[in-house]
Amino acid sequence: MSSGGDAGRRIVSSRHLAEGEGWEMSEFEFGLIIAFNAFSRWMTRCMSAAGQGDLNPLDILILHNVNHRGRDKRLSDIAFLLNIEDNHTVNYSLRKLTKHELIDSEKRGKEVFYRASEKGEKLCEAYRDVRRQCLLGAGGSEMTGEQFRDLARTLRSLSGQYDQASRAAASL
């Protein structure tokens, strides 16, 4: 397969979605699929190298989010920030992380707040060190910091487009 620039080739995972107008979206979605899977694989292997090999990608994302800025967070805060609709999956990960003693919880009235434990903070630091060594230090990216920021803005914008389309599909 070709890499970019070859207008005659369509690199897609589902040809039936790439026929007619808008086929370029299918090419983008295929790129998103393989990037998502590579990122998920990276997170689990990075976390394993950091010392915790039995966390899945969602667990890892939630641990990093709970550790973010050292602020206590509610389940609804975590789900909102990570754009996760199913609170049950977030709750399951929070229980798993608590069992591993990576986060602590505190009930305040009817709300439960979560924060990274000392063990969880150290694990996040170890993850950061592995990330720095293997991903950032690898020199594999040809993109500049500003290009990464532009791409991040584009992905956030596209997430809104997919969210709007999912609401429309739910009303059909």
N, C-alpha and C. Protein backbone atom coordinates (compact mmCIF):
# COMPACT_ATOMS: atom_id res chain seq x y z
N MET A 1 0.84 -1.19 0.00
CA MET A 1 0.00 0.00 0.00
C MET A 1 0.88 1.25 0.00
N SER A 2 0.34 2.31 -0.47
CA SER A 2 1.11 3.54 -0.56
C SER A 2 0.92 4.38 0.68
N SER A 3 1.82 5.31 0.88
CA SER A 3 1.70 6.21 2.02
C SER A 3 1.44 7.62 1.53
N GLY A 4 0.22 8.10 1.69
CA GLY A 4 -0.15 9.46 1.33
C GLY A 4 0.16 9.81 -0.12
N GLY A 5 -0.39 10.85 -0.59
CA GLY A 5 -0.06 11.40 -1.89
C GLY A 5 -0.51 10.60 -3.10
N ASP A 6 -0.80 9.35 -2.97
CA ASP A 6 -1.20 8.52 -4.11
C ASP A 6 -2.72 8.53 -4.19
N ALA A 7 -3.24 9.47 -4.97
CA ALA A 7 -4.69 9.68 -5.05
C ALA A 7 -5.44 8.48 -5.60
N GLY A 8 -4.76 7.59 -6.32
CA GLY A 8 -5.42 6.45 -6.92
C GLY A 8 -5.68 5.32 -5.94
N ARG A 9 -4.98 5.29 -4.83
CA ARG A 9 -5.13 4.20 -3.87
C ARG A 9 -5.89 4.69 -2.64
N ARG A 10 -6.78 3.86 -2.21
CA ARG A 10 -7.54 4.15 -1.00
C ARG A 10 -7.14 3.13 0.05
N ILE A 11 -6.59 3.60 1.14
CA ILE A 11 -6.14 2.71 2.21
C ILE A 11 -7.22 2.72 3.29
N VAL A 12 -8.09 1.73 3.23
CA VAL A 12 -9.25 1.68 4.13
C VAL A 12 -9.40 0.26 4.67
N SER A 13 -10.18 0.14 5.74
CA SER A 13 -10.42 -1.18 6.31
C SER A 13 -11.72 -1.79 5.79
N SER A 14 -12.63 -0.97 5.30
CA SER A 14 -13.94 -1.45 4.86
C SER A 14 -14.30 -0.78 3.53
N ARG A 15 -14.06 -1.48 2.46
CA ARG A 15 -14.29 -0.92 1.13
C ARG A 15 -15.73 -0.41 0.96
N HIS A 16 -16.69 -1.11 1.53
CA HIS A 16 -18.09 -0.70 1.38
C HIS A 16 -18.35 0.68 2.01
N LEU A 17 -17.51 1.11 2.95
CA LEU A 17 -17.65 2.43 3.54
C LEU A 17 -16.87 3.49 2.77
N ALA A 18 -16.07 3.05 1.81
CA ALA A 18 -15.20 3.96 1.07
C ALA A 18 -15.67 4.19 -0.36
N GLU A 19 -16.90 3.85 -0.65
CA GLU A 19 -17.41 4.02 -2.00
C GLU A 19 -18.22 5.31 -2.06
N GLY A 20 -18.03 6.04 -3.14
CA GLY A 20 -18.80 7.26 -3.36
C GLY A 20 -18.21 8.46 -2.65
N GLU A 21 -19.05 9.45 -2.47
CA GLU A 21 -18.63 10.71 -1.87
C GLU A 21 -18.21 10.51 -0.42
N GLY A 22 -17.16 11.19 -0.03
CA GLY A 22 -16.70 11.13 1.36
C GLY A 22 -15.82 9.94 1.67
N TRP A 23 -15.29 9.30 0.64
CA TRP A 23 -14.45 8.12 0.89
C TRP A 23 -13.22 8.46 1.72
N GLU A 24 -12.80 9.71 1.68
CA GLU A 24 -11.61 10.12 2.43
C GLU A 24 -11.81 9.93 3.94
N MET A 25 -13.05 10.04 4.40
CA MET A 25 -13.34 9.82 5.81
C MET A 25 -13.02 8.38 6.19
N SER A 26 -13.28 7.43 5.30
CA SER A 26 -12.95 6.03 5.56
C SER A 26 -11.45 5.83 5.69
N GLU A 27 -10.70 6.54 4.86
CA GLU A 27 -9.24 6.45 4.95
C GLU A 27 -8.77 7.02 6.29
N PHE A 28 -9.33 8.15 6.70
CA PHE A 28 -9.00 8.72 8.00
C PHE A 28 -9.36 7.76 9.13
N GLU A 29 -10.58 7.18 9.05
CA GLU A 29 -11.02 6.27 10.11
C GLU A 29 -10.12 5.04 10.22
N PHE A 30 -9.65 4.54 9.11
CA PHE A 30 -8.72 3.41 9.16
C PHE A 30 -7.43 3.83 9.87
N GLY A 31 -6.93 5.01 9.56
CA GLY A 31 -5.76 5.53 10.27
C GLY A 31 -6.02 5.66 11.75
N LEU A 32 -7.21 6.12 12.09
CA LEU A 32 -7.59 6.27 13.50
C LEU A 32 -7.65 4.91 14.19
N ILE A 33 -8.19 3.92 13.52
CA ILE A 33 -8.28 2.56 14.08
C ILE A 33 -6.90 2.01 14.38
N ILE A 34 -5.99 2.09 13.42
CA ILE A 34 -4.67 1.51 13.66
C ILE A 34 -3.88 2.34 14.67
N ALA A 35 -4.09 3.66 14.69
CA ALA A 35 -3.44 4.50 15.70
C ALA A 35 -3.97 4.17 17.09
N PHE A 36 -5.30 4.00 17.21
CA PHE A 36 -5.90 3.65 18.50
C PHE A 36 -5.34 2.33 19.02
N ASN A 37 -5.27 1.34 18.15
CA ASN A 37 -4.76 0.03 18.58
C ASN A 37 -3.28 0.09 18.93
N ALA A 38 -2.50 0.85 18.17
CA ALA A 38 -1.08 1.00 18.49
C ALA A 38 -0.91 1.75 19.81
N PHE A 39 -1.72 2.78 20.03
CA PHE A 39 -1.64 3.54 21.27
C PHE A 39 -2.04 2.67 22.46
N SER A 40 -3.09 1.88 22.31
CA SER A 40 -3.51 0.97 23.39
C SER A 40 -2.42 -0.02 23.73
N ARG A 41 -1.81 -0.59 22.70
CA ARG A 41 -0.71 -1.55 22.90
C ARG A 41 0.46 -0.85 23.59
N TRP A 42 0.78 0.36 23.15
CA TRP A 42 1.87 1.13 23.75
C TRP A 42 1.60 1.36 25.24
N MET A 43 0.39 1.82 25.58
CA MET A 43 0.08 2.12 26.99
C MET A 43 0.28 0.90 27.87
N THR A 44 -0.22 -0.26 27.43
CA THR A 44 -0.12 -1.45 28.28
C THR A 44 1.33 -1.91 28.40
N ARG A 45 2.09 -1.82 27.33
CA ARG A 45 3.50 -2.24 27.40
C ARG A 45 4.34 -1.25 28.18
N CYS A 46 4.04 0.02 28.06
CA CYS A 46 4.74 1.03 28.85
C CYS A 46 4.45 0.84 30.33
N MET A 47 3.18 0.59 30.66
CA MET A 47 2.81 0.39 32.06
C MET A 47 3.43 -0.89 32.60
N SER A 48 3.52 -1.92 31.77
CA SER A 48 4.16 -3.15 32.18
C SER A 48 5.65 -2.90 32.48
N ALA A 49 6.31 -2.14 31.60
CA ALA A 49 7.72 -1.81 31.82
C ALA A 49 7.89 -0.94 33.07
N ALA A 50 6.86 -0.17 33.41
CA ALA A 50 6.91 0.67 34.60
C ALA A 50 6.66 -0.13 35.88
N GLY A 51 6.17 -1.39 35.72
CA GLY A 51 6.02 -2.24 36.89
C GLY A 51 4.63 -2.76 37.17
N GLN A 52 3.65 -2.45 36.32
CA GLN A 52 2.28 -2.90 36.57
C GLN A 52 1.72 -3.48 35.27
N GLY A 53 1.84 -4.80 35.12
CA GLY A 53 1.51 -5.42 33.85
C GLY A 53 0.07 -5.86 33.68
N ASP A 54 -0.78 -5.68 34.66
CA ASP A 54 -2.14 -6.21 34.54
C ASP A 54 -3.21 -5.13 34.44
N LEU A 55 -2.85 -3.97 33.90
CA LEU A 55 -3.84 -2.92 33.68
C LEU A 55 -4.15 -2.83 32.19
N ASN A 56 -5.42 -2.61 31.88
CA ASN A 56 -5.80 -2.42 30.48
C ASN A 56 -5.73 -0.93 30.13
N PRO A 57 -5.87 -0.58 28.86
CA PRO A 57 -5.74 0.83 28.47
C PRO A 57 -6.68 1.77 29.24
N LEU A 58 -7.92 1.37 29.46
CA LEU A 58 -8.83 2.24 30.20
C LEU A 58 -8.36 2.45 31.63
N ASP A 59 -7.90 1.39 32.28
CA ASP A 59 -7.36 1.52 33.64
C ASP A 59 -6.22 2.53 33.67
N ILE A 60 -5.35 2.45 32.68
CA ILE A 60 -4.18 3.33 32.62
C ILE A 60 -4.61 4.78 32.41
N LEU A 61 -5.54 5.00 31.49
CA LEU A 61 -6.05 6.35 31.26
C LEU A 61 -6.68 6.92 32.52
N ILE A 62 -7.44 6.10 33.22
CA ILE A 62 -8.10 6.57 34.44
C ILE A 62 -7.08 6.85 35.54
N LEU A 63 -6.08 5.99 35.69
CA LEU A 63 -5.04 6.25 36.70
C LEU A 63 -4.35 7.58 36.42
N HIS A 64 -3.96 7.82 35.17
CA HIS A 64 -3.30 9.08 34.84
C HIS A 64 -4.24 10.26 35.08
N ASN A 65 -5.52 10.10 34.76
CA ASN A 65 -6.47 11.18 34.98
C ASN A 65 -6.65 11.47 36.47
N VAL A 66 -6.76 10.42 37.28
CA VAL A 66 -6.91 10.61 38.73
C VAL A 66 -5.66 11.27 39.30
N ASN A 67 -4.51 10.94 38.77
CA ASN A 67 -3.25 11.52 39.24
C ASN A 67 -3.05 12.95 38.75
N HIS A 68 -3.75 13.34 37.71
CA HIS A 68 -3.59 14.65 37.06
C HIS A 68 -3.77 15.80 38.05
N ARG A 69 -2.76 16.62 38.18
CA ARG A 69 -2.76 17.83 39.00
C ARG A 69 -2.98 17.59 40.48
N GLY A 70 -2.95 16.33 40.92
CA GLY A 70 -3.08 16.03 42.34
C GLY A 70 -4.41 16.45 42.95
N ARG A 71 -5.44 16.56 42.13
CA ARG A 71 -6.77 16.97 42.63
C ARG A 71 -7.68 15.76 42.74
N ASP A 72 -8.51 15.76 43.78
CA ASP A 72 -9.51 14.71 43.93
C ASP A 72 -10.55 14.83 42.82
N LYS A 73 -11.01 13.67 42.35
CA LYS A 73 -11.97 13.65 41.25
C LYS A 73 -13.09 12.67 41.54
N ARG A 74 -14.27 13.01 41.05
CA ARG A 74 -15.42 12.11 41.13
C ARG A 74 -15.49 11.26 39.88
N LEU A 75 -16.19 10.15 39.95
CA LEU A 75 -16.38 9.29 38.79
C LEU A 75 -16.91 10.09 37.61
N SER A 76 -17.89 10.95 37.84
CA SER A 76 -18.49 11.73 36.75
C SER A 76 -17.47 12.69 36.13
N ASP A 77 -16.54 13.23 36.94
CA ASP A 77 -15.50 14.11 36.41
C ASP A 77 -14.58 13.34 35.47
N ILE A 78 -14.20 12.14 35.88
CA ILE A 78 -13.30 11.30 35.09
C ILE A 78 -13.95 10.92 33.77
N ALA A 79 -15.19 10.45 33.85
CA ALA A 79 -15.91 10.04 32.64
C ALA A 79 -16.09 11.22 31.69
N PHE A 80 -16.42 12.38 32.22
CA PHE A 80 -16.61 13.57 31.39
C PHE A 80 -15.33 13.95 30.69
N LEU A 81 -14.24 14.04 31.43
CA LEU A 81 -12.98 14.48 30.84
C LEU A 81 -12.47 13.51 29.78
N LEU A 82 -12.64 12.21 30.02
CA LEU A 82 -12.17 11.21 29.06
C LEU A 82 -13.21 10.90 27.98
N ASN A 83 -14.36 11.57 28.05
CA ASN A 83 -15.44 11.41 27.06
C ASN A 83 -15.93 9.96 27.02
N ILE A 84 -16.15 9.40 28.20
CA ILE A 84 -16.63 8.03 28.32
C ILE A 84 -18.10 8.09 28.73
N GLU A 85 -18.94 7.48 27.92
CA GLU A 85 -20.38 7.52 28.17
C GLU A 85 -20.81 6.50 29.23
N ASP A 86 -20.16 5.36 29.26
CA ASP A 86 -20.56 4.28 30.15
C ASP A 86 -19.83 4.38 31.50
N ASN A 87 -20.51 4.95 32.49
CA ASN A 87 -19.91 5.13 33.81
C ASN A 87 -19.57 3.80 34.48
N HIS A 88 -20.24 2.72 34.07
CA HIS A 88 -19.95 1.41 34.67
C HIS A 88 -18.53 0.96 34.39
N THR A 89 -18.03 1.25 33.18
CA THR A 89 -16.66 0.85 32.86
C THR A 89 -15.66 1.67 33.67
N VAL A 90 -15.97 2.95 33.89
CA VAL A 90 -15.10 3.80 34.71
C VAL A 90 -15.12 3.29 36.15
N ASN A 91 -16.30 2.96 36.66
CA ASN A 91 -16.43 2.46 38.02
C ASN A 91 -15.66 1.14 38.21
N TYR A 92 -15.74 0.27 37.22
CA TYR A 92 -15.02 -1.00 37.28
C TYR A 92 -13.51 -0.75 37.37
N SER A 93 -13.01 0.17 36.55
CA SER A 93 -11.58 0.49 36.59
C SER A 93 -11.19 1.12 37.92
N LEU A 94 -12.04 1.99 38.44
CA LEU A 94 -11.74 2.61 39.74
C LEU A 94 -11.65 1.56 40.84
N ARG A 95 -12.55 0.57 40.82
CA ARG A 95 -12.48 -0.51 41.81
C ARG A 95 -11.19 -1.32 41.64
N LYS A 96 -10.84 -1.61 40.39
CA LYS A 96 -9.62 -2.37 40.11
C LYS A 96 -8.38 -1.60 40.58
N LEU A 97 -8.33 -0.31 40.30
CA LEU A 97 -7.20 0.51 40.72
C LEU A 97 -7.12 0.63 42.24
N THR A 98 -8.27 0.68 42.89
CA THR A 98 -8.32 0.70 44.35
C THR A 98 -7.80 -0.61 44.91
N LYS A 99 -8.22 -1.72 44.33
CA LYS A 99 -7.75 -3.05 44.76
C LYS A 99 -6.23 -3.17 44.65
N HIS A 100 -5.67 -2.57 43.61
CA HIS A 100 -4.22 -2.59 43.42
C HIS A 100 -3.51 -1.53 44.27
N GLU A 101 -4.29 -0.80 45.06
CA GLU A 101 -3.78 0.25 45.95
C GLU A 101 -3.08 1.37 45.18
N LEU A 102 -3.57 1.64 43.96
CA LEU A 102 -3.02 2.71 43.14
C LEU A 102 -3.79 4.01 43.32
N ILE A 103 -5.02 3.91 43.81
CA ILE A 103 -5.82 5.09 44.11
C ILE A 103 -6.48 4.90 45.47
N ASP A 104 -6.82 6.02 46.08
CA ASP A 104 -7.57 6.04 47.32
C ASP A 104 -8.90 6.72 47.05
N SER A 105 -9.88 6.39 47.87
CA SER A 105 -11.19 7.02 47.72
C SER A 105 -11.63 7.56 49.07
N GLU A 106 -12.49 8.58 49.00
CA GLU A 106 -13.04 9.18 50.20
C GLU A 106 -14.47 9.59 49.92
N LYS A 107 -15.38 9.15 50.76
CA LYS A 107 -16.79 9.51 50.60
C LYS A 107 -17.03 10.83 51.31
N ARG A 108 -17.64 11.76 50.59
CA ARG A 108 -18.02 13.07 51.14
C ARG A 108 -19.49 13.28 50.83
N GLY A 109 -20.31 13.10 51.82
CA GLY A 109 -21.75 13.15 51.59
C GLY A 109 -22.14 11.98 50.71
N LYS A 110 -22.80 12.28 49.60
CA LYS A 110 -23.22 11.22 48.68
C LYS A 110 -22.17 10.96 47.59
N GLU A 111 -21.14 11.78 47.53
CA GLU A 111 -20.13 11.68 46.47
C GLU A 111 -18.90 10.92 46.96
N VAL A 112 -18.26 10.19 46.04
CA VAL A 112 -16.99 9.53 46.32
C VAL A 112 -15.93 10.24 45.48
N PHE A 113 -14.84 10.63 46.13
CA PHE A 113 -13.74 11.30 45.45
C PHE A 113 -12.53 10.38 45.43
N TYR A 114 -11.81 10.43 44.32
CA TYR A 114 -10.65 9.56 44.11
C TYR A 114 -9.40 10.41 43.93
N ARG A 115 -8.29 9.87 44.41
CA ARG A 115 -6.98 10.49 44.21
C ARG A 115 -5.95 9.39 44.11
N ALA A 116 -4.85 9.68 43.47
CA ALA A 116 -3.78 8.69 43.35
C ALA A 116 -3.15 8.48 44.72
N SER A 117 -2.89 7.23 45.06
CA SER A 117 -2.15 6.92 46.28
C SER A 117 -0.67 7.19 46.03
N GLU A 118 0.12 7.09 47.06
CA GLU A 118 1.57 7.26 46.88
C GLU A 118 2.10 6.22 45.89
N LYS A 119 1.60 5.00 46.01
CA LYS A 119 2.01 3.94 45.07
C LYS A 119 1.59 4.28 43.64
N GLY A 120 0.38 4.83 43.48
CA GLY A 120 -0.11 5.22 42.16
C GLY A 120 0.69 6.37 41.57
N GLU A 121 1.04 7.35 42.41
CA GLU A 121 1.87 8.46 41.94
C GLU A 121 3.23 7.97 41.46
N LYS A 122 3.83 7.06 42.22
CA LYS A 122 5.14 6.53 41.84
C LYS A 122 5.05 5.73 40.54
N LEU A 123 3.96 5.00 40.37
CA LEU A 123 3.77 4.25 39.13
C LEU A 123 3.63 5.20 37.95
N CYS A 124 2.88 6.28 38.12
CA CYS A 124 2.74 7.27 37.04
C CYS A 124 4.09 7.91 36.71
N GLU A 125 4.92 8.14 37.71
CA GLU A 125 6.26 8.68 37.47
C GLU A 125 7.11 7.67 36.71
N ALA A 126 7.02 6.39 37.08
CA ALA A 126 7.78 5.35 36.38
C ALA A 126 7.31 5.25 34.93
N TYR A 127 6.00 5.35 34.71
CA TYR A 127 5.43 5.34 33.35
C TYR A 127 6.01 6.51 32.55
N ARG A 128 6.01 7.69 33.19
CA ARG A 128 6.56 8.88 32.52
C ARG A 128 8.02 8.66 32.12
N ASP A 129 8.80 8.02 33.00
CA ASP A 129 10.21 7.77 32.70
C ASP A 129 10.37 6.80 31.53
N VAL A 130 9.56 5.73 31.51
CA VAL A 130 9.62 4.78 30.39
C VAL A 130 9.19 5.49 29.11
N ARG A 131 8.15 6.30 29.19
CA ARG A 131 7.65 7.06 28.03
C ARG A 131 8.74 7.97 27.48
N ARG A 132 9.40 8.67 28.39
CA ARG A 132 10.47 9.59 27.99
C ARG A 132 11.59 8.83 27.29
N GLN A 133 11.95 7.68 27.83
CA GLN A 133 13.05 6.90 27.28
C GLN A 133 12.68 6.24 25.95
N CYS A 134 11.52 5.62 25.89
CA CYS A 134 11.17 4.80 24.73
C CYS A 134 10.42 5.54 23.63
N LEU A 135 9.63 6.51 23.99
CA LEU A 135 8.81 7.20 22.98
C LEU A 135 9.41 8.55 22.62
N LEU A 136 9.69 9.34 23.61
CA LEU A 136 10.20 10.68 23.34
C LEU A 136 11.68 10.66 23.00
N GLY A 137 12.43 9.77 23.64
CA GLY A 137 13.87 9.69 23.41
C GLY A 137 14.23 8.89 22.19
N ALA A 138 13.25 8.23 21.60
CA ALA A 138 13.52 7.37 20.46
C ALA A 138 13.81 8.17 19.20
N GLY A 139 13.45 9.45 19.21
CA GLY A 139 13.69 10.30 18.05
C GLY A 139 12.92 9.85 16.82
N GLY A 140 11.85 9.09 17.02
CA GLY A 140 11.11 8.55 15.89
C GLY A 140 10.16 9.52 15.23
N SER A 141 9.78 10.60 15.90
CA SER A 141 8.79 11.50 15.33
C SER A 141 9.46 12.59 14.50
N GLU A 142 8.88 12.83 13.36
CA GLU A 142 9.35 13.90 12.50
C GLU A 142 8.50 15.15 12.71
N MET A 143 7.53 15.07 13.60
CA MET A 143 6.63 16.20 13.83
C MET A 143 7.19 17.10 14.92
N THR A 144 6.91 18.39 14.78
CA THR A 144 7.32 19.36 15.79
C THR A 144 6.26 19.41 16.89
N GLY A 145 6.60 20.05 17.98
CA GLY A 145 5.64 20.23 19.07
C GLY A 145 4.39 20.96 18.61
N GLU A 146 4.57 21.99 17.79
CA GLU A 146 3.42 22.75 17.28
C GLU A 146 2.55 21.89 16.37
N GLN A 147 3.14 21.01 15.59
CA GLN A 147 2.37 20.12 14.73
C GLN A 147 1.55 19.14 15.58
N PHE A 148 2.14 18.65 16.68
CA PHE A 148 1.38 17.79 17.59
C PHE A 148 0.21 18.55 18.20
N ARG A 149 0.43 19.81 18.57
CA ARG A 149 -0.66 20.61 19.15
C ARG A 149 -1.77 20.82 18.13
N ASP A 150 -1.41 21.09 16.87
CA ASP A 150 -2.42 21.26 15.81
C ASP A 150 -3.21 19.96 15.61
N LEU A 151 -2.51 18.85 15.59
CA LEU A 151 -3.18 17.56 15.42
C LEU A 151 -4.13 17.28 16.59
N ALA A 152 -3.69 17.61 17.81
CA ALA A 152 -4.53 17.41 19.00
C ALA A 152 -5.81 18.25 18.89
N ARG A 153 -5.69 19.49 18.44
CA ARG A 153 -6.87 20.35 18.25
C ARG A 153 -7.81 19.75 17.21
N THR A 154 -7.24 19.23 16.13
CA THR A 154 -8.05 18.62 15.08
C THR A 154 -8.79 17.40 15.61
N LEU A 155 -8.11 16.56 16.37
CA LEU A 155 -8.75 15.35 16.93
C LEU A 155 -9.85 15.73 17.90
N ARG A 156 -9.63 16.76 18.73
CA ARG A 156 -10.69 17.18 19.65
C ARG A 156 -11.90 17.70 18.88
N SER A 157 -11.64 18.42 17.80
CA SER A 157 -12.73 18.93 16.96
C SER A 157 -13.49 17.77 16.32
N LEU A 158 -12.77 16.79 15.81
CA LEU A 158 -13.42 15.63 15.20
C LEU A 158 -14.21 14.82 16.22
N SER A 159 -13.76 14.79 17.46
CA SER A 159 -14.52 14.06 18.47
C SER A 159 -15.89 14.69 18.65
N GLY A 160 -15.96 16.01 18.56
CA GLY A 160 -17.25 16.68 18.62
C GLY A 160 -18.14 16.33 17.44
N GLN A 161 -17.53 16.21 16.26
CA GLN A 161 -18.29 15.83 15.07
C GLN A 161 -18.84 14.41 15.22
N TYR A 162 -18.01 13.48 15.73
CA TYR A 162 -18.48 12.11 15.94
C TYR A 162 -19.54 12.05 17.04
N ASP A 163 -19.39 12.86 18.10
CA ASP A 163 -20.41 12.89 19.15
C ASP A 163 -21.74 13.38 18.61
N GLN A 164 -21.70 14.43 17.80
CA GLN A 164 -22.94 14.95 17.21
C GLN A 164 -23.57 13.91 16.29
N ALA A 165 -22.75 13.24 15.49
CA ALA A 165 -23.28 12.20 14.59
C ALA A 165 -23.87 11.04 15.38
N SER A 166 -23.26 10.70 16.51
CA SER A 166 -23.79 9.58 17.32
C SER A 166 -25.14 9.95 17.92
N ARG A 167 -25.32 11.21 18.31
CA ARG A 167 -26.63 11.65 18.81
C ARG A 167 -27.66 11.59 17.70
N ALA A 168 -27.26 11.98 16.50
CA ALA A 168 -28.19 11.92 15.37
C ALA A 168 -28.56 10.47 15.06
N ALA A 169 -27.57 9.59 15.09
CA ALA A 169 -27.85 8.17 14.81
C ALA A 169 -28.76 7.56 15.87
N ALA A 170 -28.62 8.00 17.11
CA ALA A 170 -29.45 7.47 18.20
C ALA A 170 -30.92 7.89 18.03
N SER A 171 -31.15 8.96 17.30
CA SER A 171 -32.52 9.43 17.13
C SER A 171 -33.19 8.89 15.87
N LEU A 172 -32.47 8.07 15.11
CA LEU A 172 -33.06 7.49 13.89
C LEU A 172 -34.02 6.37 14.22
